[in-house]
Amino acid sequence: MKIYGIKNCDAVRKAVRFFKSHNIDFDLVDFRVTPVSCETIDRWLKQVPVEKLFNTRGTTYRTLKLKELGLDDDGKREWLCKENTLIKRPVVETDDGRVVVGYNESIYKELFL
């Protein structure tokens, strides 16, 4: 399984702690080091709505003043491709292809334990 995010993100750190504490193997993909491709984002968008993947609460969203653009789903997808820090973190992709966005301990327990 892969955890996509940024190493210093609190939600990513919580997810990493969860998987380590339950001895679940994972690879951490820091998208500041290894950018996520549009193909990967499109694969995720087949399972989760763009509103769930697009982070409107982060610094990047505010700095780029994207609220003022009134982006539709295609516009949000384009921004996710060119600015990975707009991706809500973490994104967990399991070996069987399931995608889970964000950290929620009760959901993680239900899905991964």
N, C-alpha and C. Protein backbone atom coordinates (compact mmCIF):
# COMPACT_ATOMS: atom_id res chain seq x y z
N MET A 1 0.85 -1.17 0.00
CA MET A 1 0.00 0.00 0.00
C MET A 1 0.89 1.23 0.00
N LYS A 2 0.33 2.31 -0.53
CA LYS A 2 1.08 3.57 -0.59
C LYS A 2 0.30 4.66 0.13
N ILE A 3 1.05 5.49 0.84
CA ILE A 3 0.49 6.69 1.45
C ILE A 3 1.09 7.87 0.70
N TYR A 4 0.22 8.67 0.08
CA TYR A 4 0.67 9.86 -0.63
C TYR A 4 0.42 11.07 0.26
N GLY A 5 1.41 11.94 0.34
CA GLY A 5 1.25 13.15 1.14
C GLY A 5 2.55 13.90 1.26
N ILE A 6 2.67 14.64 2.33
CA ILE A 6 3.86 15.43 2.63
C ILE A 6 4.31 15.02 4.04
N LYS A 7 5.60 14.74 4.18
CA LYS A 7 6.13 14.21 5.45
C LYS A 7 5.76 15.05 6.67
N ASN A 8 5.75 16.35 6.52
CA ASN A 8 5.52 17.20 7.69
C ASN A 8 4.04 17.54 7.92
N CYS A 9 3.14 16.92 7.18
CA CYS A 9 1.70 17.13 7.35
C CYS A 9 1.20 16.31 8.55
N ASP A 10 0.46 16.94 9.45
CA ASP A 10 -0.04 16.25 10.64
C ASP A 10 -0.89 15.04 10.31
N ALA A 11 -1.78 15.16 9.34
CA ALA A 11 -2.66 14.04 8.98
C ALA A 11 -1.85 12.88 8.41
N VAL A 12 -0.83 13.18 7.63
CA VAL A 12 0.04 12.13 7.08
C VAL A 12 0.79 11.46 8.22
N ARG A 13 1.30 12.24 9.15
CA ARG A 13 2.01 11.65 10.30
C ARG A 13 1.11 10.74 11.11
N LYS A 14 -0.15 11.13 11.29
CA LYS A 14 -1.10 10.27 12.01
C LYS A 14 -1.32 8.96 11.27
N ALA A 15 -1.47 9.03 9.96
CA ALA A 15 -1.67 7.82 9.16
C ALA A 15 -0.44 6.91 9.26
N VAL A 16 0.74 7.49 9.16
CA VAL A 16 1.98 6.71 9.27
C VAL A 16 2.05 6.04 10.64
N ARG A 17 1.75 6.79 11.70
CA ARG A 17 1.75 6.20 13.05
C ARG A 17 0.75 5.05 13.15
N PHE A 18 -0.44 5.24 12.59
CA PHE A 18 -1.47 4.19 12.62
C PHE A 18 -0.94 2.91 11.98
N PHE A 19 -0.41 3.02 10.76
CA PHE A 19 0.05 1.83 10.06
C PHE A 19 1.25 1.20 10.76
N LYS A 20 2.17 2.01 11.25
CA LYS A 20 3.32 1.45 11.97
C LYS A 20 2.87 0.74 13.24
N SER A 21 1.95 1.34 13.99
CA SER A 21 1.52 0.75 15.26
C SER A 21 0.75 -0.55 15.06
N HIS A 22 0.20 -0.76 13.85
CA HIS A 22 -0.52 -2.00 13.56
C HIS A 22 0.28 -2.91 12.63
N ASN A 23 1.58 -2.62 12.50
CA ASN A 23 2.49 -3.44 11.68
C ASN A 23 1.97 -3.68 10.27
N ILE A 24 1.48 -2.63 9.65
CA ILE A 24 0.99 -2.70 8.28
C ILE A 24 2.05 -2.06 7.38
N ASP A 25 2.52 -2.82 6.40
CA ASP A 25 3.55 -2.31 5.49
C ASP A 25 2.99 -1.26 4.55
N PHE A 26 3.78 -0.24 4.29
CA PHE A 26 3.38 0.83 3.37
C PHE A 26 4.61 1.52 2.83
N ASP A 27 4.43 2.21 1.74
CA ASP A 27 5.45 3.10 1.19
C ASP A 27 4.89 4.51 1.28
N LEU A 28 5.70 5.45 1.76
CA LEU A 28 5.29 6.85 1.81
C LEU A 28 5.81 7.55 0.57
N VAL A 29 4.91 8.15 -0.18
CA VAL A 29 5.27 8.91 -1.37
C VAL A 29 5.06 10.39 -1.02
N ASP A 30 6.17 11.09 -0.81
CA ASP A 30 6.11 12.52 -0.50
C ASP A 30 6.04 13.26 -1.83
N PHE A 31 4.88 13.88 -2.12
CA PHE A 31 4.77 14.49 -3.43
C PHE A 31 5.48 15.82 -3.58
N ARG A 32 6.20 16.24 -2.58
CA ARG A 32 7.13 17.37 -2.80
C ARG A 32 8.42 16.83 -3.42
N VAL A 33 8.71 15.56 -3.15
CA VAL A 33 9.90 14.91 -3.70
C VAL A 33 9.57 14.19 -5.02
N THR A 34 8.45 13.46 -5.01
CA THR A 34 8.00 12.69 -6.17
C THR A 34 6.60 13.14 -6.55
N PRO A 35 6.48 14.06 -7.49
CA PRO A 35 5.15 14.57 -7.86
C PRO A 35 4.22 13.45 -8.34
N VAL A 36 2.94 13.62 -8.04
CA VAL A 36 1.91 12.69 -8.46
C VAL A 36 1.50 13.05 -9.88
N SER A 37 1.44 12.05 -10.75
CA SER A 37 1.09 12.29 -12.15
C SER A 37 -0.41 12.51 -12.31
N CYS A 38 -0.79 13.12 -13.43
CA CYS A 38 -2.21 13.28 -13.76
C CYS A 38 -2.89 11.93 -13.91
N GLU A 39 -2.15 10.94 -14.41
CA GLU A 39 -2.72 9.60 -14.57
C GLU A 39 -3.13 9.04 -13.21
N THR A 40 -2.27 9.24 -12.20
CA THR A 40 -2.58 8.76 -10.85
C THR A 40 -3.79 9.51 -10.30
N ILE A 41 -3.83 10.81 -10.47
CA ILE A 41 -4.96 11.62 -10.00
C ILE A 41 -6.24 11.17 -10.69
N ASP A 42 -6.18 10.91 -11.98
CA ASP A 42 -7.37 10.43 -12.71
C ASP A 42 -7.82 9.08 -12.17
N ARG A 43 -6.88 8.22 -11.84
CA ARG A 43 -7.23 6.91 -11.25
C ARG A 43 -7.96 7.10 -9.93
N TRP A 44 -7.48 8.03 -9.11
CA TRP A 44 -8.14 8.31 -7.83
C TRP A 44 -9.54 8.88 -8.05
N LEU A 45 -9.66 9.76 -9.05
CA LEU A 45 -10.94 10.42 -9.30
C LEU A 45 -12.01 9.47 -9.82
N LYS A 46 -11.62 8.28 -10.22
CA LYS A 46 -12.61 7.26 -10.60
C LYS A 46 -13.30 6.69 -9.36
N GLN A 47 -12.67 6.88 -8.18
CA GLN A 47 -13.23 6.33 -6.94
C GLN A 47 -13.72 7.39 -5.97
N VAL A 48 -13.11 8.56 -6.00
CA VAL A 48 -13.51 9.62 -5.07
C VAL A 48 -13.85 10.89 -5.84
N PRO A 49 -14.86 11.63 -5.38
CA PRO A 49 -15.20 12.88 -6.07
C PRO A 49 -14.09 13.91 -5.93
N VAL A 50 -13.99 14.78 -6.92
CA VAL A 50 -12.94 15.80 -6.91
C VAL A 50 -13.03 16.69 -5.67
N GLU A 51 -14.26 16.92 -5.16
CA GLU A 51 -14.42 17.76 -3.96
C GLU A 51 -13.72 17.14 -2.75
N LYS A 52 -13.66 15.82 -2.71
CA LYS A 52 -13.01 15.14 -1.59
C LYS A 52 -11.49 15.19 -1.73
N LEU A 53 -11.00 15.19 -2.94
CA LEU A 53 -9.56 15.17 -3.19
C LEU A 53 -8.95 16.57 -3.18
N PHE A 54 -9.75 17.57 -3.49
CA PHE A 54 -9.27 18.95 -3.64
C PHE A 54 -9.33 19.66 -2.29
N ASN A 55 -8.17 20.06 -1.78
CA ASN A 55 -8.07 20.66 -0.46
C ASN A 55 -8.31 22.17 -0.51
N THR A 56 -9.46 22.58 -0.02
CA THR A 56 -9.79 24.01 0.00
C THR A 56 -9.42 24.67 1.33
N ARG A 57 -8.83 23.90 2.25
CA ARG A 57 -8.51 24.45 3.56
C ARG A 57 -7.03 24.77 3.73
N GLY A 58 -6.23 24.46 2.74
CA GLY A 58 -4.79 24.62 2.87
C GLY A 58 -4.27 25.98 2.45
N THR A 59 -3.01 26.18 2.77
CA THR A 59 -2.33 27.43 2.45
C THR A 59 -2.23 27.65 0.94
N THR A 60 -1.95 26.58 0.21
CA THR A 60 -1.80 26.71 -1.25
C THR A 60 -3.07 27.25 -1.89
N TYR A 61 -4.21 26.72 -1.47
CA TYR A 61 -5.50 27.17 -2.01
C TYR A 61 -5.70 28.67 -1.75
N ARG A 62 -5.39 29.09 -0.54
CA ARG A 62 -5.55 30.52 -0.20
C ARG A 62 -4.53 31.39 -0.93
N THR A 63 -3.29 30.94 -0.97
CA THR A 63 -2.23 31.71 -1.61
C THR A 63 -2.51 31.93 -3.10
N LEU A 64 -3.00 30.89 -3.76
CA LEU A 64 -3.29 30.99 -5.19
C LEU A 64 -4.63 31.66 -5.47
N LYS A 65 -5.37 31.97 -4.42
CA LYS A 65 -6.67 32.64 -4.53
C LYS A 65 -7.61 31.89 -5.48
N LEU A 66 -7.65 30.57 -5.32
CA LEU A 66 -8.45 29.75 -6.23
C LEU A 66 -9.95 29.87 -5.99
N LYS A 67 -10.34 30.28 -4.79
CA LYS A 67 -11.77 30.45 -4.52
C LYS A 67 -12.37 31.47 -5.49
N GLU A 68 -11.58 32.50 -5.77
CA GLU A 68 -12.06 33.57 -6.65
C GLU A 68 -12.28 33.10 -8.09
N LEU A 69 -11.64 31.98 -8.47
CA LEU A 69 -11.78 31.49 -9.84
C LEU A 69 -13.06 30.70 -10.06
N GLY A 70 -13.70 30.25 -8.97
CA GLY A 70 -14.93 29.48 -9.09
C GLY A 70 -14.75 28.24 -9.97
N LEU A 71 -13.75 27.45 -9.67
CA LEU A 71 -13.38 26.31 -10.51
C LEU A 71 -14.48 25.25 -10.59
N ASP A 72 -14.66 24.71 -11.79
CA ASP A 72 -15.53 23.54 -11.94
C ASP A 72 -14.67 22.30 -11.71
N ASP A 73 -15.25 21.11 -11.85
CA ASP A 73 -14.51 19.87 -11.58
C ASP A 73 -13.28 19.72 -12.48
N ASP A 74 -13.41 20.08 -13.76
CA ASP A 74 -12.27 19.98 -14.66
C ASP A 74 -11.16 20.96 -14.26
N GLY A 75 -11.54 22.13 -13.85
CA GLY A 75 -10.56 23.11 -13.39
C GLY A 75 -9.84 22.64 -12.14
N LYS A 76 -10.58 22.05 -11.22
CA LYS A 76 -9.96 21.51 -10.00
C LYS A 76 -8.98 20.39 -10.34
N ARG A 77 -9.38 19.51 -11.27
CA ARG A 77 -8.49 18.42 -11.68
C ARG A 77 -7.20 18.99 -12.27
N GLU A 78 -7.32 20.00 -13.12
CA GLU A 78 -6.13 20.61 -13.72
C GLU A 78 -5.20 21.17 -12.65
N TRP A 79 -5.77 21.84 -11.65
CA TRP A 79 -4.95 22.38 -10.57
C TRP A 79 -4.31 21.29 -9.72
N LEU A 80 -5.03 20.19 -9.48
CA LEU A 80 -4.44 19.07 -8.75
C LEU A 80 -3.22 18.53 -9.48
N CYS A 81 -3.30 18.48 -10.81
CA CYS A 81 -2.19 17.97 -11.60
C CYS A 81 -0.97 18.89 -11.55
N LYS A 82 -1.20 20.20 -11.59
CA LYS A 82 -0.04 21.10 -11.62
C LYS A 82 0.43 21.53 -10.24
N GLU A 83 -0.39 21.38 -9.22
CA GLU A 83 0.00 21.79 -7.87
C GLU A 83 -0.45 20.71 -6.88
N ASN A 84 0.42 19.71 -6.69
CA ASN A 84 0.07 18.56 -5.85
C ASN A 84 -0.25 18.92 -4.41
N THR A 85 0.22 20.05 -3.93
CA THR A 85 -0.09 20.42 -2.54
C THR A 85 -1.57 20.76 -2.35
N LEU A 86 -2.33 20.81 -3.44
CA LEU A 86 -3.78 20.99 -3.34
C LEU A 86 -4.51 19.68 -3.06
N ILE A 87 -3.77 18.57 -3.10
CA ILE A 87 -4.38 17.26 -2.83
C ILE A 87 -4.59 17.12 -1.33
N LYS A 88 -5.82 16.77 -0.94
CA LYS A 88 -6.10 16.54 0.47
C LYS A 88 -5.30 15.33 0.93
N ARG A 89 -4.71 15.45 2.10
CA ARG A 89 -3.79 14.43 2.58
C ARG A 89 -4.29 13.73 3.82
N PRO A 90 -3.83 12.50 3.99
CA PRO A 90 -3.12 11.65 3.05
C PRO A 90 -4.08 10.99 2.07
N VAL A 91 -3.52 10.49 0.97
CA VAL A 91 -4.27 9.62 0.08
C VAL A 91 -3.63 8.24 0.25
N VAL A 92 -4.44 7.27 0.66
CA VAL A 92 -3.95 5.90 0.82
C VAL A 92 -4.48 5.09 -0.35
N GLU A 93 -3.55 4.45 -1.05
CA GLU A 93 -3.92 3.57 -2.15
C GLU A 93 -3.49 2.16 -1.79
N THR A 94 -4.47 1.28 -1.67
CA THR A 94 -4.17 -0.09 -1.25
C THR A 94 -3.67 -0.90 -2.45
N ASP A 95 -3.09 -2.06 -2.15
CA ASP A 95 -2.56 -2.92 -3.21
C ASP A 95 -3.65 -3.38 -4.17
N ASP A 96 -4.90 -3.46 -3.68
CA ASP A 96 -5.99 -3.88 -4.56
C ASP A 96 -6.67 -2.69 -5.25
N GLY A 97 -6.07 -1.48 -5.11
CA GLY A 97 -6.53 -0.32 -5.85
C GLY A 97 -7.55 0.58 -5.17
N ARG A 98 -7.95 0.25 -3.92
CA ARG A 98 -8.88 1.13 -3.21
C ARG A 98 -8.17 2.43 -2.83
N VAL A 99 -8.95 3.51 -2.79
CA VAL A 99 -8.41 4.83 -2.47
C VAL A 99 -9.17 5.40 -1.28
N VAL A 100 -8.41 5.85 -0.27
CA VAL A 100 -9.00 6.47 0.92
C VAL A 100 -8.32 7.83 1.08
N VAL A 101 -9.14 8.88 1.19
CA VAL A 101 -8.62 10.25 1.29
C VAL A 101 -8.84 10.78 2.69
N GLY A 102 -7.78 11.38 3.27
CA GLY A 102 -7.87 11.96 4.60
C GLY A 102 -7.57 10.93 5.68
N TYR A 103 -7.42 11.42 6.90
CA TYR A 103 -7.18 10.51 8.02
C TYR A 103 -8.37 10.52 8.96
N ASN A 104 -8.90 9.33 9.22
CA ASN A 104 -9.97 9.14 10.18
C ASN A 104 -9.73 7.79 10.83
N GLU A 105 -9.35 7.80 12.11
CA GLU A 105 -8.92 6.57 12.77
C GLU A 105 -10.00 5.49 12.75
N SER A 106 -11.25 5.86 12.98
CA SER A 106 -12.30 4.83 13.00
C SER A 106 -12.49 4.20 11.61
N ILE A 107 -12.38 5.00 10.56
CA ILE A 107 -12.48 4.46 9.19
C ILE A 107 -11.27 3.58 8.90
N TYR A 108 -10.09 4.02 9.33
CA TYR A 108 -8.88 3.22 9.12
C TYR A 108 -8.99 1.87 9.84
N LYS A 109 -9.51 1.88 11.06
CA LYS A 109 -9.66 0.61 11.79
C LYS A 109 -10.60 -0.32 11.05
N GLU A 110 -11.70 0.24 10.54
CA GLU A 110 -12.69 -0.56 9.82
C GLU A 110 -12.12 -1.13 8.52
N LEU A 111 -11.34 -0.34 7.80
CA LEU A 111 -10.85 -0.76 6.50
C LEU A 111 -9.56 -1.58 6.54
N PHE A 112 -8.69 -1.27 7.49
CA PHE A 112 -7.35 -1.85 7.44
C PHE A 112 -7.02 -2.87 8.51
N LEU A 113 -7.90 -3.02 9.51
CA LEU A 113 -7.60 -4.00 10.56
C LEU A 113 -8.46 -5.23 10.44
